[in-house]
Amino acid sequence: MSTGPNETSFWRSPTGLGLAVFLAAAAYFLWVEHRPHVVDALPYLLLLACVGMHFFMHGGHGGHGSHKRDDKRDGDGL
């Protein structure tokens, strides 16, 4: 979806700028006031990110049940 000559992006609109300022202030106060809690949670957030990537990035290959065996082998005797 492209923006036309008269359309502005969300981040340049007043709502987008307000949201960006709010998120920056929230991140600042979270870091300043709760630094020990944030640092203690970083290893768990890394593990959570790995699990999330496993679940959400494996959607393209059809799952693990779609693998087919090659039953057309000659000379197997089985």
C-alpha atoms as a PDB file:
ATOM      1  CA  MET A   1       0.000   0.000   0.000  1.00  0.00           C
ATOM      2  CA  SER A   2       1.655   3.208  -1.118  1.00  0.00           C
ATOM      3  CA  THR A   3       0.941   6.652   0.191  1.00  0.00           C
ATOM      4  CA  GLY A   4      -0.199   9.232  -2.274  1.00  0.00           C
ATOM      5  CA  PRO A   5       1.044  12.807  -2.586  1.00  0.00           C
ATOM      6  CA  ASN A   6      -1.498  14.116  -0.055  1.00  0.00           C
ATOM      7  CA  GLU A   7      -1.215  11.254   2.444  1.00  0.00           C
ATOM      8  CA  THR A   8       1.213  11.340   5.365  1.00  0.00           C
ATOM      9  CA  SER A   9       2.575   8.325   7.193  1.00  0.00           C
ATOM     10  CA  PHE A  10       1.216   7.408  10.598  1.00  0.00           C
ATOM     11  CA  TRP A  11       4.423   8.431  12.398  1.00  0.00           C
ATOM     12  CA  ARG A  12       4.246  11.953  10.932  1.00  0.00           C
ATOM     13  CA  SER A  13       0.632  12.482  11.993  1.00  0.00           C
ATOM     14  CA  PRO A  14      -0.164  14.144  15.336  1.00  0.00           C
ATOM     15  CA  THR A  15      -1.392  10.831  16.729  1.00  0.00           C
ATOM     16  CA  GLY A  16       1.782   9.026  15.662  1.00  0.00           C
ATOM     17  CA  LEU A  17       4.044  11.710  17.100  1.00  0.00           C
ATOM     18  CA  GLY A  18       2.106  11.656  20.367  1.00  0.00           C
ATOM     19  CA  LEU A  19       2.404   7.877  20.531  1.00  0.00           C
ATOM     20  CA  ALA A  20       6.146   8.042  19.827  1.00  0.00           C
ATOM     21  CA  VAL A  21       6.675  10.604  22.604  1.00  0.00           C
ATOM     22  CA  PHE A  22       4.583   8.539  25.022  1.00  0.00           C
ATOM     23  CA  LEU A  23       6.497   5.329  24.213  1.00  0.00           C
ATOM     24  CA  ALA A  24       9.844   7.103  24.597  1.00  0.00           C
ATOM     25  CA  ALA A  25       8.817   8.534  27.990  1.00  0.00           C
ATOM     26  CA  ALA A  26       7.503   5.137  29.136  1.00  0.00           C
ATOM     27  CA  ALA A  27      10.751   3.429  28.089  1.00  0.00           C
ATOM     28  CA  TYR A  28      12.817   6.086  29.885  1.00  0.00           C
ATOM     29  CA  PHE A  29      10.898   5.809  33.146  1.00  0.00           C
ATOM     30  CA  LEU A  30      10.839   2.031  32.951  1.00  0.00           C
ATOM     31  CA  TRP A  31      14.632   2.021  32.618  1.00  0.00           C
ATOM     32  CA  VAL A  32      15.290   4.709  35.276  1.00  0.00           C
ATOM     33  CA  GLU A  33      12.840   3.537  37.928  1.00  0.00           C
ATOM     34  CA  HIS A  34      12.883  -0.222  37.371  1.00  0.00           C
ATOM     35  CA  ARG A  35      16.387  -0.959  36.051  1.00  0.00           C
ATOM     36  CA  PRO A  36      17.071  -3.947  38.376  1.00  0.00           C
ATOM     37  CA  HIS A  37      13.772  -5.565  37.432  1.00  0.00           C
ATOM     38  CA  VAL A  38      14.340  -4.987  33.713  1.00  0.00           C
ATOM     39  CA  VAL A  39      17.891  -6.373  33.850  1.00  0.00           C
ATOM     40  CA  ASP A  40      16.721  -9.411  35.864  1.00  0.00           C
ATOM     41  CA  ALA A  41      14.037 -10.125  33.249  1.00  0.00           C
ATOM     42  CA  LEU A  42      16.327  -9.927  30.179  1.00  0.00           C
ATOM     43  CA  PRO A  43      17.363 -13.641  30.139  1.00  0.00           C
ATOM     44  CA  TYR A  44      13.724 -14.684  30.374  1.00  0.00           C
ATOM     45  CA  LEU A  45      12.763 -12.270  27.609  1.00  0.00           C
ATOM     46  CA  LEU A  46      15.476 -13.780  25.411  1.00  0.00           C
ATOM     47  CA  LEU A  47      14.094 -17.286  26.010  1.00  0.00           C
ATOM     48  CA  LEU A  48      10.581 -16.027  25.362  1.00  0.00           C
ATOM     49  CA  ALA A  49      11.746 -14.451  22.088  1.00  0.00           C
ATOM     50  CA  CYS A  50      13.266 -17.792  20.996  1.00  0.00           C
ATOM     51  CA  VAL A  51      10.032 -19.643  21.711  1.00  0.00           C
ATOM     52  CA  GLY A  52       7.995 -16.967  19.956  1.00  0.00           C
ATOM     53  CA  MET A  53      10.195 -17.102  16.870  1.00  0.00           C
ATOM     54  CA  HIS A  54       9.883 -20.895  16.795  1.00  0.00           C
ATOM     55  CA  PHE A  55       6.092 -20.751  16.864  1.00  0.00           C
ATOM     56  CA  PHE A  56       5.559 -17.791  14.566  1.00  0.00           C
ATOM     57  CA  MET A  57       8.316 -18.317  11.988  1.00  0.00           C
ATOM     58  CA  HIS A  58       7.651 -22.003  11.256  1.00  0.00           C
ATOM     59  CA  GLY A  59       4.339 -21.280   9.534  1.00  0.00           C
ATOM     60  CA  GLY A  60       5.751 -21.367   6.016  1.00  0.00           C
ATOM     61  CA  HIS A  61       6.853 -24.966   5.649  1.00  0.00           C
ATOM     62  CA  GLY A  62       3.591 -26.793   6.377  1.00  0.00           C
ATOM     63  CA  GLY A  63       4.376 -28.195   9.804  1.00  0.00           C
ATOM     64  CA  HIS A  64       6.268 -31.290  10.805  1.00  0.00           C
ATOM     65  CA  GLY A  65       3.548 -33.756   9.760  1.00  0.00           C
ATOM     66  CA  SER A  66       3.803 -33.030   6.037  1.00  0.00           C
ATOM     67  CA  HIS A  67       7.042 -34.955   5.429  1.00  0.00           C
ATOM     68  CA  LYS A  68       6.417 -37.933   3.113  1.00  0.00           C
ATOM     69  CA  ARG A  69       8.470 -41.116   2.975  1.00  0.00           C
ATOM     70  CA  ASP A  70       9.782 -42.302  -0.366  1.00  0.00           C
ATOM     71  CA  ASP A  71       8.100 -45.714  -0.702  1.00  0.00           C
ATOM     72  CA  LYS A  72       9.210 -46.234  -4.316  1.00  0.00           C
ATOM     73  CA  ARG A  73      12.577 -47.772  -3.472  1.00  0.00           C
ATOM     74  CA  ASP A  74      13.589 -50.700  -5.701  1.00  0.00           C
ATOM     75  CA  GLY A  75      15.457 -53.714  -4.410  1.00  0.00           C
ATOM     76  CA  ASP A  76      14.613 -53.140  -0.766  1.00  0.00           C
ATOM     77  CA  GLY A  77      12.962 -56.499  -0.120  1.00  0.00           C
ATOM     78  CA  LEU A  78      10.744 -55.011   2.544  1.00  0.00           C
END
